[in-house]
N, C-alpha and C. Protein backbone atom coordinates (compact mmCIF):
# COMPACT_ATOMS: atom_id res chain seq x y z
N MET A 1 27.58 92.31 87.86
CA MET A 1 26.44 92.45 86.98
C MET A 1 25.19 92.38 87.86
N SER A 2 24.34 93.34 87.66
CA SER A 2 23.12 93.36 88.46
C SER A 2 22.08 92.43 87.86
N VAL A 3 21.04 92.23 88.60
CA VAL A 3 19.95 91.35 88.16
C VAL A 3 19.27 91.94 86.93
N ILE A 4 19.14 93.26 86.89
CA ILE A 4 18.49 93.91 85.74
C ILE A 4 19.34 93.74 84.49
N GLU A 5 20.65 93.92 84.60
CA GLU A 5 21.54 93.74 83.45
C GLU A 5 21.53 92.30 82.96
N ALA A 6 21.53 91.35 83.91
CA ALA A 6 21.50 89.93 83.53
C ALA A 6 20.19 89.58 82.84
N THR A 7 19.08 90.12 83.35
CA THR A 7 17.77 89.87 82.74
C THR A 7 17.70 90.48 81.34
N THR A 8 18.24 91.69 81.18
CA THR A 8 18.25 92.34 79.87
C THR A 8 19.10 91.54 78.89
N ALA A 9 20.27 91.10 79.31
CA ALA A 9 21.14 90.31 78.43
C ALA A 9 20.46 89.01 78.05
N LEU A 10 19.78 88.38 78.98
CA LEU A 10 19.07 87.13 78.71
C LEU A 10 17.93 87.36 77.71
N GLN A 11 17.19 88.47 77.88
CA GLN A 11 16.10 88.78 76.97
C GLN A 11 16.62 89.03 75.55
N TYR A 12 17.72 89.77 75.44
CA TYR A 12 18.31 90.01 74.12
C TYR A 12 18.79 88.70 73.49
N GLY A 13 19.36 87.83 74.29
CA GLY A 13 19.81 86.54 73.78
C GLY A 13 18.66 85.69 73.28
N ILE A 14 17.56 85.67 74.06
CA ILE A 14 16.38 84.90 73.65
C ILE A 14 15.77 85.50 72.40
N ALA A 15 15.68 86.83 72.34
CA ALA A 15 15.10 87.48 71.16
C ALA A 15 15.94 87.18 69.92
N GLY A 16 17.26 87.21 70.05
CA GLY A 16 18.13 86.91 68.91
C GLY A 16 18.00 85.47 68.45
N ALA A 17 17.89 84.55 69.40
CA ALA A 17 17.72 83.14 69.04
C ALA A 17 16.38 82.91 68.35
N MET A 18 15.34 83.59 68.83
CA MET A 18 14.02 83.44 68.21
C MET A 18 14.03 83.99 66.79
N GLU A 19 14.69 85.14 66.59
CA GLU A 19 14.77 85.70 65.24
C GLU A 19 15.52 84.77 64.29
N ALA A 20 16.62 84.20 64.78
CA ALA A 20 17.40 83.28 63.96
C ALA A 20 16.58 82.04 63.61
N GLY A 21 15.83 81.53 64.57
CA GLY A 21 14.99 80.36 64.31
C GLY A 21 13.88 80.66 63.32
N GLU A 22 13.26 81.84 63.48
CA GLU A 22 12.19 82.22 62.55
C GLU A 22 12.75 82.40 61.14
N GLU A 23 13.92 83.00 61.03
CA GLU A 23 14.53 83.19 59.71
C GLU A 23 14.86 81.85 59.07
N ARG A 24 15.35 80.91 59.87
CA ARG A 24 15.67 79.58 59.34
C ARG A 24 14.41 78.87 58.86
N ILE A 25 13.34 78.95 59.63
CA ILE A 25 12.08 78.32 59.23
C ILE A 25 11.53 79.00 57.98
N ARG A 26 11.61 80.33 57.93
CA ARG A 26 11.13 81.06 56.76
C ARG A 26 11.91 80.66 55.51
N ARG A 27 13.24 80.47 55.67
CA ARG A 27 14.07 80.06 54.53
C ARG A 27 13.74 78.64 54.08
N LEU A 28 13.44 77.75 55.03
CA LEU A 28 13.11 76.37 54.67
C LEU A 28 11.74 76.25 54.01
N LEU A 29 10.82 77.11 54.38
CA LEU A 29 9.46 77.03 53.86
C LEU A 29 9.24 77.88 52.61
N SER A 30 10.23 78.65 52.22
CA SER A 30 10.06 79.51 51.06
C SER A 30 10.00 78.68 49.79
N VAL A 31 9.22 79.15 48.84
CA VAL A 31 9.05 78.47 47.56
C VAL A 31 10.18 78.90 46.64
N ARG A 32 10.84 77.93 46.04
CA ARG A 32 11.92 78.26 45.10
C ARG A 32 11.31 78.80 43.82
N ARG A 33 11.84 79.92 43.39
CA ARG A 33 11.30 80.57 42.20
C ARG A 33 12.21 80.38 40.98
N ASP A 34 13.29 79.62 41.12
CA ASP A 34 14.19 79.43 39.99
C ASP A 34 13.85 78.19 39.17
N SER A 35 12.77 77.48 39.49
CA SER A 35 12.44 76.28 38.73
C SER A 35 12.04 76.62 37.30
N PHE A 36 11.39 77.78 37.11
CA PHE A 36 11.01 78.18 35.76
C PHE A 36 12.23 78.50 34.92
N VAL A 37 13.26 79.01 35.53
CA VAL A 37 14.50 79.30 34.81
C VAL A 37 15.10 78.01 34.26
N TRP A 38 15.12 76.95 35.10
CA TRP A 38 15.68 75.68 34.63
C TRP A 38 14.83 75.07 33.52
N ILE A 39 13.51 75.23 33.58
CA ILE A 39 12.65 74.72 32.50
C ILE A 39 13.00 75.42 31.19
N ILE A 40 13.21 76.73 31.25
CA ILE A 40 13.56 77.48 30.04
C ILE A 40 14.93 77.07 29.53
N VAL A 41 15.91 76.92 30.43
CA VAL A 41 17.26 76.52 30.02
C VAL A 41 17.23 75.13 29.37
N ILE A 42 16.50 74.19 29.95
CA ILE A 42 16.41 72.84 29.37
C ILE A 42 15.71 72.88 28.02
N ALA A 43 14.67 73.69 27.90
CA ALA A 43 13.96 73.80 26.61
C ALA A 43 14.89 74.36 25.53
N ILE A 44 15.69 75.37 25.88
CA ILE A 44 16.63 75.93 24.91
C ILE A 44 17.68 74.89 24.53
N ALA A 45 18.16 74.12 25.49
CA ALA A 45 19.15 73.07 25.18
C ALA A 45 18.56 72.02 24.25
N VAL A 46 17.32 71.65 24.46
CA VAL A 46 16.67 70.66 23.58
C VAL A 46 16.53 71.21 22.16
N VAL A 47 16.13 72.47 22.05
CA VAL A 47 16.00 73.09 20.72
C VAL A 47 17.35 73.13 20.01
N ILE A 48 18.41 73.48 20.73
CA ILE A 48 19.76 73.52 20.13
C ILE A 48 20.18 72.12 19.68
N ALA A 49 19.94 71.10 20.53
CA ALA A 49 20.32 69.73 20.18
C ALA A 49 19.56 69.26 18.94
N LEU A 50 18.26 69.54 18.88
CA LEU A 50 17.48 69.15 17.70
C LEU A 50 17.95 69.90 16.45
N GLY A 51 18.33 71.15 16.61
CA GLY A 51 18.85 71.91 15.48
C GLY A 51 20.16 71.34 14.96
N LEU A 52 21.06 70.94 15.88
CA LEU A 52 22.31 70.31 15.44
C LEU A 52 22.07 68.99 14.74
N MET A 53 21.13 68.20 15.26
CA MET A 53 20.83 66.91 14.60
C MET A 53 20.22 67.14 13.22
N ALA A 54 19.36 68.15 13.10
CA ALA A 54 18.77 68.46 11.79
C ALA A 54 19.84 68.94 10.81
N ALA A 55 20.77 69.76 11.30
CA ALA A 55 21.86 70.23 10.42
C ALA A 55 22.73 69.07 9.97
N TRP A 56 23.01 68.14 10.88
CA TRP A 56 23.80 66.95 10.53
C TRP A 56 23.08 66.13 9.48
N PHE A 57 21.79 65.94 9.64
CA PHE A 57 20.99 65.17 8.67
C PHE A 57 21.00 65.86 7.31
N ILE A 58 20.79 67.17 7.30
CA ILE A 58 20.75 67.90 6.04
C ILE A 58 22.12 67.85 5.35
N TYR A 59 23.20 68.01 6.12
CA TYR A 59 24.54 67.94 5.56
C TYR A 59 24.80 66.58 4.92
N CYS A 60 24.46 65.52 5.64
CA CYS A 60 24.69 64.17 5.10
C CYS A 60 23.84 63.90 3.86
N ARG A 61 22.60 64.38 3.86
CA ARG A 61 21.76 64.17 2.68
C ARG A 61 22.31 64.94 1.49
N ASN A 62 22.88 66.11 1.71
CA ASN A 62 23.47 66.88 0.61
C ASN A 62 24.73 66.20 0.08
N GLN A 63 25.42 65.43 0.92
CA GLN A 63 26.60 64.69 0.49
C GLN A 63 26.23 63.36 -0.17
N GLY A 64 24.96 63.00 -0.14
CA GLY A 64 24.51 61.77 -0.76
C GLY A 64 24.52 60.58 0.20
N GLY A 65 24.50 60.79 1.48
CA GLY A 65 24.53 59.69 2.45
C GLY A 65 23.50 59.90 3.55
N TRP A 66 23.69 59.13 4.60
CA TRP A 66 22.81 59.19 5.77
C TRP A 66 23.65 59.41 7.02
N PRO A 67 23.09 60.06 8.01
CA PRO A 67 23.82 60.21 9.27
C PRO A 67 24.04 58.84 9.92
N ALA A 68 25.23 58.63 10.47
CA ALA A 68 25.54 57.35 11.11
C ALA A 68 26.24 57.61 12.44
N LEU A 69 26.02 56.69 13.37
CA LEU A 69 26.59 56.80 14.71
C LEU A 69 27.06 55.41 15.12
N ASP A 70 28.35 55.27 15.42
CA ASP A 70 28.89 53.99 15.87
C ASP A 70 29.29 54.08 17.33
N MET A 71 28.82 53.11 18.10
CA MET A 71 29.16 53.05 19.52
C MET A 71 30.35 52.12 19.71
N PRO A 72 31.27 52.46 20.61
CA PRO A 72 32.42 51.58 20.82
C PRO A 72 32.01 50.29 21.52
N SER A 73 32.85 49.29 21.40
CA SER A 73 32.61 48.00 22.04
C SER A 73 32.66 48.14 23.56
N TRP A 74 31.82 47.38 24.27
CA TRP A 74 31.82 47.42 25.73
C TRP A 74 33.09 46.81 26.31
N SER A 75 33.61 45.80 25.65
CA SER A 75 34.76 45.09 26.21
C SER A 75 36.09 45.78 25.91
N SER A 76 36.27 46.27 24.68
CA SER A 76 37.56 46.84 24.33
C SER A 76 37.60 48.37 24.40
N GLY A 77 36.46 49.01 24.49
CA GLY A 77 36.44 50.47 24.57
C GLY A 77 36.64 51.10 23.22
N GLY A 78 36.90 52.37 23.20
CA GLY A 78 37.09 53.09 21.94
C GLY A 78 36.39 54.43 22.00
N THR A 79 36.12 54.98 20.83
CA THR A 79 35.47 56.29 20.76
C THR A 79 34.19 56.20 19.96
N TRP A 80 33.30 57.11 20.23
CA TRP A 80 32.08 57.21 19.44
C TRP A 80 32.46 57.78 18.08
N LYS A 81 31.79 57.32 17.05
CA LYS A 81 32.05 57.81 15.70
C LYS A 81 30.75 58.36 15.12
N VAL A 82 30.80 59.62 14.72
CA VAL A 82 29.66 60.28 14.09
C VAL A 82 30.11 60.68 12.69
N TYR A 83 29.41 60.16 11.69
CA TYR A 83 29.84 60.43 10.32
C TYR A 83 28.66 60.29 9.37
N CYS A 84 28.93 60.52 8.10
CA CYS A 84 27.91 60.34 7.07
C CYS A 84 28.21 59.04 6.32
N ALA A 85 27.30 58.11 6.38
CA ALA A 85 27.48 56.82 5.69
C ALA A 85 26.85 56.91 4.30
N ALA A 86 27.54 56.29 3.35
CA ALA A 86 27.05 56.31 1.96
C ALA A 86 25.99 55.27 1.73
């Protein structure tokens, strides 16, 4: 390998490393644009949850009761109970 070939190979290697470093820095400094998507997804989930709770309340009131939620005991465990209490 001649000196010119070695110098050319070294220059290409340095140029490639610099490009890779610049790309990595550019990727780290870029602003994420998907945050608005998550805000919209969370807002839709909240609206759906409130709609389900409203439907549960309306259903229980039409049955003549109130919505009720029972939490299981901490010591013995169990299941959550969601029902309409009279």
